[in-house]
Amino acid sequence: MRIKSTDPGLEVALSSVPSHFRSRLIKSYVGLKSAFVEVQYDTCGLRTGKFCEAMLRFLQDRLTGIFIPFGQKITNFNEECAKLERSPQHSAPESLRVLIPRALVFLYTLRNKRGIGHVGGDVDANEIDAVTCVRVADWCLCELIRVVHTLSLEEAQSLLDAIAARQLPQVWAVIGKKRVLDSSLDYKSQTLLLLYSDPQTGVPAEVLYAWTEHSNFSVYRRDVLRPLHAERFVEYDSESEMVIISPLGVRQVEEELLPKLQK
């Protein structure tokens, strides 16, 4: 199960980035997200390194016009990032000169020092390290898009919000749908997980029904949505047929459901 290797939204948002940088940024970023969804935490580390190196080379080219060629080893990643921070203020916005390079140093250090992608590290790669890699990479790409996008402000914000949505290994987003990968979960748990993956957005009841692949929509509303509403885990508006998770539902997922799934 893999996320698409290309993303038209990212291609458009990064259209002003030269293609040899853009293709590597998107490939490494989507690869990182795919590895996380597939719970391949060692692979997350490897792809984090590729993402950092692609982003660094783009920033070098953007700020100085010269970059370390692809295929040539970056001998001192931290120093190369520090050089960017010393670039003249007029060369680029502060995000590209300071903020993203500092985030890359953290990411690259985490990848190198925490056993992610390397034999003999301090600790084995684990979920919290992988989550951190994904979220920091999300931020770096969001910030880059914010600076260089050619979209309207509304379109750019929508794309950034989509990238920044919660990434759960248990929830797989694929060709416009979402699936809970643990099919042993009951429909209430699946519904809560699906809503938790984007807690600020209401979802049509019929969409949730399709995502869970329940056999009967009327029964799904009666046995799943209405009880969840009664428990105040969700707000189910029977007139608009929209469902959104409540703060109590978020707490239920974080304190009860996710810990069980991680055991």
Protein backbone atom coordinates (compact mmCIF):
# COMPACT_ATOMS: atom_id res chain seq x y z
CA MET A 1 0.00 0.00 0.00
CA ARG A 2 1.64 3.21 -1.15
CA ILE A 3 0.81 6.87 -1.51
CA LYS A 4 1.06 8.12 -5.09
CA SER A 5 4.64 8.75 -6.16
CA THR A 6 3.60 12.05 -7.69
CA ASP A 7 1.18 14.65 -6.38
CA PRO A 8 -0.38 17.10 -8.85
CA GLY A 9 -1.10 19.57 -6.03
CA LEU A 10 2.53 19.65 -4.97
CA GLU A 11 3.68 19.87 -8.59
CA VAL A 12 1.56 22.99 -9.07
CA ALA A 13 2.47 24.53 -5.73
CA LEU A 14 6.19 24.05 -6.42
CA SER A 15 6.03 24.90 -10.13
CA SER A 16 8.45 27.82 -9.66
CA VAL A 17 11.08 25.42 -8.24
CA PRO A 18 13.39 24.11 -11.01
CA SER A 19 12.30 20.64 -12.09
CA HIS A 20 15.50 18.81 -11.02
CA PHE A 21 14.97 20.05 -7.46
CA ARG A 22 11.18 19.80 -7.52
CA SER A 23 11.08 16.16 -8.61
CA ARG A 24 13.53 15.09 -5.89
CA LEU A 25 11.76 17.10 -3.18
CA ILE A 26 8.38 15.61 -4.02
CA LYS A 27 9.70 12.07 -4.46
CA SER A 28 11.54 12.08 -1.13
CA TYR A 29 8.67 13.78 0.72
CA VAL A 30 5.96 11.45 -0.64
CA GLY A 31 8.28 8.50 -0.01
CA LEU A 32 8.69 9.59 3.61
CA LYS A 33 4.93 9.87 4.07
CA SER A 34 4.38 6.46 2.44
CA ALA A 35 6.94 4.81 4.71
CA PHE A 36 5.26 6.30 7.76
CA VAL A 37 1.80 5.12 6.70
CA GLU A 38 3.26 1.64 6.15
CA VAL A 39 4.91 1.72 9.62
CA GLN A 40 8.39 1.35 8.07
CA TYR A 41 10.22 3.57 10.52
CA ASP A 42 13.74 2.65 9.38
CA THR A 43 12.77 3.68 5.86
CA CYS A 44 11.40 6.95 7.23
CA GLY A 45 14.92 7.80 8.37
CA LEU A 46 16.47 7.04 5.01
CA ARG A 47 13.93 9.15 3.16
CA THR A 48 14.26 11.95 5.68
CA GLY A 49 17.93 12.15 4.73
CA LYS A 50 17.09 12.34 1.02
CA PHE A 51 14.51 15.06 1.69
CA CYS A 52 17.01 17.12 3.70
CA GLU A 53 19.70 16.82 1.04
CA ALA A 54 17.31 17.78 -1.77
CA MET A 55 16.02 20.78 0.17
CA LEU A 56 19.54 21.92 1.07
CA ARG A 57 20.67 21.81 -2.56
CA PHE A 58 17.62 23.80 -3.67
CA LEU A 59 18.28 26.45 -1.01
CA GLN A 60 21.94 26.64 -2.03
CA ASP A 61 20.93 27.24 -5.62
CA ARG A 62 18.24 29.77 -4.66
CA LEU A 63 20.47 31.79 -2.33
CA THR A 64 23.90 31.53 -3.98
CA GLY A 65 23.40 30.19 -7.50
CA ILE A 66 25.77 27.30 -6.71
CA PHE A 67 24.83 23.94 -5.19
CA ILE A 68 26.56 20.67 -4.35
CA PRO A 69 25.82 18.44 -7.37
CA PHE A 70 23.45 15.52 -6.94
CA GLY A 71 25.50 12.37 -6.55
CA GLN A 72 28.29 14.21 -4.72
CA LYS A 73 28.48 13.65 -0.96
CA ILE A 74 27.64 16.51 1.36
CA THR A 75 30.60 16.25 3.72
CA ASN A 76 29.39 18.66 6.43
CA PHE A 77 25.63 19.11 6.32
CA ASN A 78 25.45 21.38 9.38
CA GLU A 79 28.10 23.76 8.04
CA GLU A 80 26.38 23.97 4.66
CA CYS A 81 23.18 25.00 6.44
CA ALA A 82 25.11 27.53 8.53
CA LYS A 83 26.47 29.08 5.32
CA LEU A 84 22.92 29.69 4.16
CA GLU A 85 22.14 31.49 7.39
CA ARG A 86 25.09 33.81 6.73
CA SER A 87 23.72 34.77 3.32
CA PRO A 88 22.92 38.47 2.78
CA GLN A 89 19.47 39.41 4.01
CA HIS A 90 18.43 40.61 0.56
CA SER A 91 19.22 37.22 -1.01
CA ALA A 92 15.99 35.54 0.18
CA PRO A 93 13.26 35.70 2.84
CA GLU A 94 14.27 34.72 6.37
CA SER A 95 12.36 31.44 6.05
CA LEU A 96 14.73 30.24 3.33
CA ARG A 97 17.90 31.67 4.89
CA VAL A 98 17.35 30.79 8.55
CA LEU A 99 14.24 28.89 9.55
CA ILE A 100 14.23 26.02 7.05
CA PRO A 101 18.03 25.47 7.31
CA ARG A 102 17.78 25.24 11.10
CA ALA A 103 14.90 22.76 10.79
CA LEU A 104 16.96 20.72 8.32
CA VAL A 105 19.89 20.58 10.76
CA PHE A 106 17.55 19.17 13.42
CA LEU A 107 16.06 16.64 10.99
CA TYR A 108 19.42 15.50 9.67
CA THR A 109 20.84 15.19 13.19
CA LEU A 110 17.85 13.14 14.31
CA ARG A 111 18.27 10.89 11.29
CA ASN A 112 22.00 10.38 11.94
CA LYS A 113 22.08 10.13 15.74
CA ARG A 114 18.95 8.19 16.63
CA GLY A 115 19.54 4.93 14.81
CA ILE A 116 17.19 5.81 11.97
CA GLY A 117 18.62 4.43 8.77
CA HIS A 118 21.92 3.43 10.38
CA VAL A 119 23.10 0.23 12.03
CA GLY A 120 24.46 0.74 15.53
CA GLY A 121 22.66 3.97 16.43
CA ASP A 122 21.90 4.93 20.03
CA VAL A 123 18.38 3.49 19.90
CA ASP A 124 16.28 1.65 17.37
CA ALA A 125 14.11 3.77 15.12
CA ASN A 126 10.70 4.11 16.74
CA GLU A 127 7.38 5.77 16.16
CA ILE A 128 8.05 9.05 17.94
CA ASP A 129 11.19 9.63 15.86
CA ALA A 130 9.30 8.86 12.65
CA VAL A 131 6.41 11.11 13.66
CA THR A 132 8.87 13.92 14.34
CA CYS A 133 10.55 13.45 10.95
CA VAL A 134 7.21 13.60 9.17
CA ARG A 135 5.94 16.67 11.02
CA VAL A 136 9.16 18.67 10.57
CA ALA A 137 9.28 17.73 6.89
CA ASP A 138 5.64 18.83 6.63
CA TRP A 139 6.57 22.18 8.11
CA CYS A 140 9.58 22.66 5.83
CA LEU A 141 7.55 21.94 2.71
CA CYS A 142 4.64 24.07 3.91
CA GLU A 143 6.99 26.99 4.54
CA LEU A 144 8.65 26.58 1.15
CA ILE A 145 5.26 26.55 -0.58
CA ARG A 146 4.20 29.62 1.39
CA VAL A 147 7.21 31.52 0.06
CA VAL A 148 7.43 30.32 -3.56
CA HIS A 149 3.89 29.26 -4.51
CA THR A 150 2.19 30.56 -7.63
CA LEU A 151 -1.27 29.63 -6.38
CA SER A 152 -3.90 31.97 -5.04
CA LEU A 153 -3.67 32.60 -1.30
CA GLU A 154 -6.77 30.44 -0.73
CA GLU A 155 -5.42 27.56 -2.82
CA ALA A 156 -2.03 27.69 -1.12
CA GLN A 157 -3.61 27.70 2.33
CA SER A 158 -5.82 24.74 1.42
CA LEU A 159 -2.81 22.75 0.23
CA LEU A 160 -0.80 23.63 3.33
CA ASP A 161 -3.69 22.55 5.54
CA ALA A 162 -3.89 19.22 3.69
CA ILE A 163 -0.15 18.60 4.09
CA ALA A 164 -0.32 19.53 7.77
CA ALA A 165 -3.27 17.20 8.52
CA ARG A 166 -2.59 14.50 11.11
CA GLN A 167 -0.75 11.49 9.75
CA LEU A 168 -1.82 8.23 11.40
CA PRO A 169 -0.23 4.91 10.47
CA GLN A 170 -3.63 3.35 11.11
CA VAL A 171 -5.37 5.58 8.53
CA TRP A 172 -4.47 5.27 4.86
CA ALA A 173 -5.47 8.03 2.42
CA VAL A 174 -5.73 6.63 -1.11
CA ILE A 175 -7.32 7.89 -4.37
CA GLY A 176 -9.75 10.20 -2.62
CA LYS A 177 -10.73 7.76 0.12
CA LYS A 178 -9.56 6.91 3.62
CA ARG A 179 -9.26 3.43 5.07
CA VAL A 180 -8.54 2.21 8.59
CA LEU A 181 -5.88 -0.44 8.06
CA ASP A 182 -6.81 -2.49 11.13
CA SER A 183 -9.97 -4.18 9.87
CA SER A 184 -10.54 -5.85 13.25
CA LEU A 185 -11.69 -2.54 14.76
CA ASP A 186 -15.41 -2.06 15.24
CA TYR A 187 -17.22 0.57 13.19
CA LYS A 188 -17.35 3.10 16.02
CA SER A 189 -13.58 2.95 16.48
CA GLN A 190 -12.98 3.17 12.74
CA THR A 191 -15.27 6.18 12.49
CA LEU A 192 -13.52 7.98 15.33
CA LEU A 193 -10.09 7.32 13.81
CA LEU A 194 -11.22 8.60 10.42
CA LEU A 195 -12.60 11.79 11.94
CA TYR A 196 -9.52 12.21 14.16
CA SER A 197 -7.25 12.19 11.11
CA ASP A 198 -8.62 15.67 10.28
CA PRO A 199 -10.40 16.94 13.40
CA GLN A 200 -11.22 20.42 12.07
CA THR A 201 -13.21 19.17 9.09
CA GLY A 202 -16.75 17.83 9.04
CA VAL A 203 -17.31 14.70 6.95
CA PRO A 204 -20.59 13.69 5.30
CA ALA A 205 -22.13 10.67 6.99
CA GLU A 206 -22.40 8.89 3.65
CA VAL A 207 -18.65 9.36 3.08
CA LEU A 208 -17.83 7.85 6.48
CA TYR A 209 -20.16 4.98 5.69
CA ALA A 210 -18.30 4.38 2.41
CA TRP A 211 -14.87 4.66 4.06
CA THR A 212 -15.76 2.08 6.73
CA GLU A 213 -17.43 -0.15 4.10
CA HIS A 214 -20.35 -0.82 6.42
CA SER A 215 -23.00 -2.95 4.71
CA ASN A 216 -26.08 -0.77 5.39
CA PHE A 217 -26.24 3.02 5.61
CA SER A 218 -29.40 3.11 7.78
CA VAL A 219 -27.88 0.65 10.22
CA TYR A 220 -24.60 2.61 10.22
CA ARG A 221 -26.45 5.78 11.22
CA ARG A 222 -28.49 3.94 13.86
CA ASP A 223 -25.75 1.79 15.44
CA VAL A 224 -22.65 3.94 14.92
CA LEU A 225 -23.30 7.65 14.38
CA ARG A 226 -26.23 8.16 16.74
CA PRO A 227 -24.59 6.33 19.69
CA LEU A 228 -21.35 8.28 19.13
CA HIS A 229 -23.41 11.47 19.09
CA ALA A 230 -25.21 10.45 22.29
CA GLU A 231 -21.84 9.87 23.98
CA ARG A 232 -20.72 13.33 22.75
CA PHE A 233 -17.78 11.80 20.89
CA VAL A 234 -19.06 13.35 17.66
CA GLU A 235 -21.54 15.96 16.54
CA TYR A 236 -23.88 14.32 14.05
CA ASP A 237 -26.27 16.75 12.38
CA SER A 238 -29.07 14.61 10.98
CA GLU A 239 -30.36 17.46 8.81
CA SER A 240 -27.11 18.24 6.98
CA GLU A 241 -25.82 14.66 7.46
CA MET A 242 -22.43 16.07 8.52
CA VAL A 243 -20.24 14.57 11.27
CA ILE A 244 -17.32 16.14 13.16
CA ILE A 245 -15.33 14.77 16.07
CA SER A 246 -15.70 16.53 19.43
CA PRO A 247 -12.96 17.36 21.96
CA LEU A 248 -14.26 14.42 23.99
CA GLY A 249 -13.91 12.20 20.92
CA VAL A 250 -10.36 13.42 20.36
CA ARG A 251 -9.56 12.52 23.97
CA GLN A 252 -11.14 9.10 23.53
CA VAL A 253 -8.93 8.40 20.51
CA GLU A 254 -5.74 9.69 22.13
CA GLU A 255 -6.20 8.16 25.58
CA GLU A 256 -8.03 4.92 24.82
CA LEU A 257 -7.90 3.89 21.18
CA LEU A 258 -4.37 4.80 20.05
CA PRO A 259 -2.61 3.27 23.10
CA LYS A 260 -4.41 -0.03 22.43
CA LEU A 261 -3.40 0.02 18.78
CA GLN A 262 0.26 0.67 19.67
CA LYS A 263 0.53 -2.34 21.97
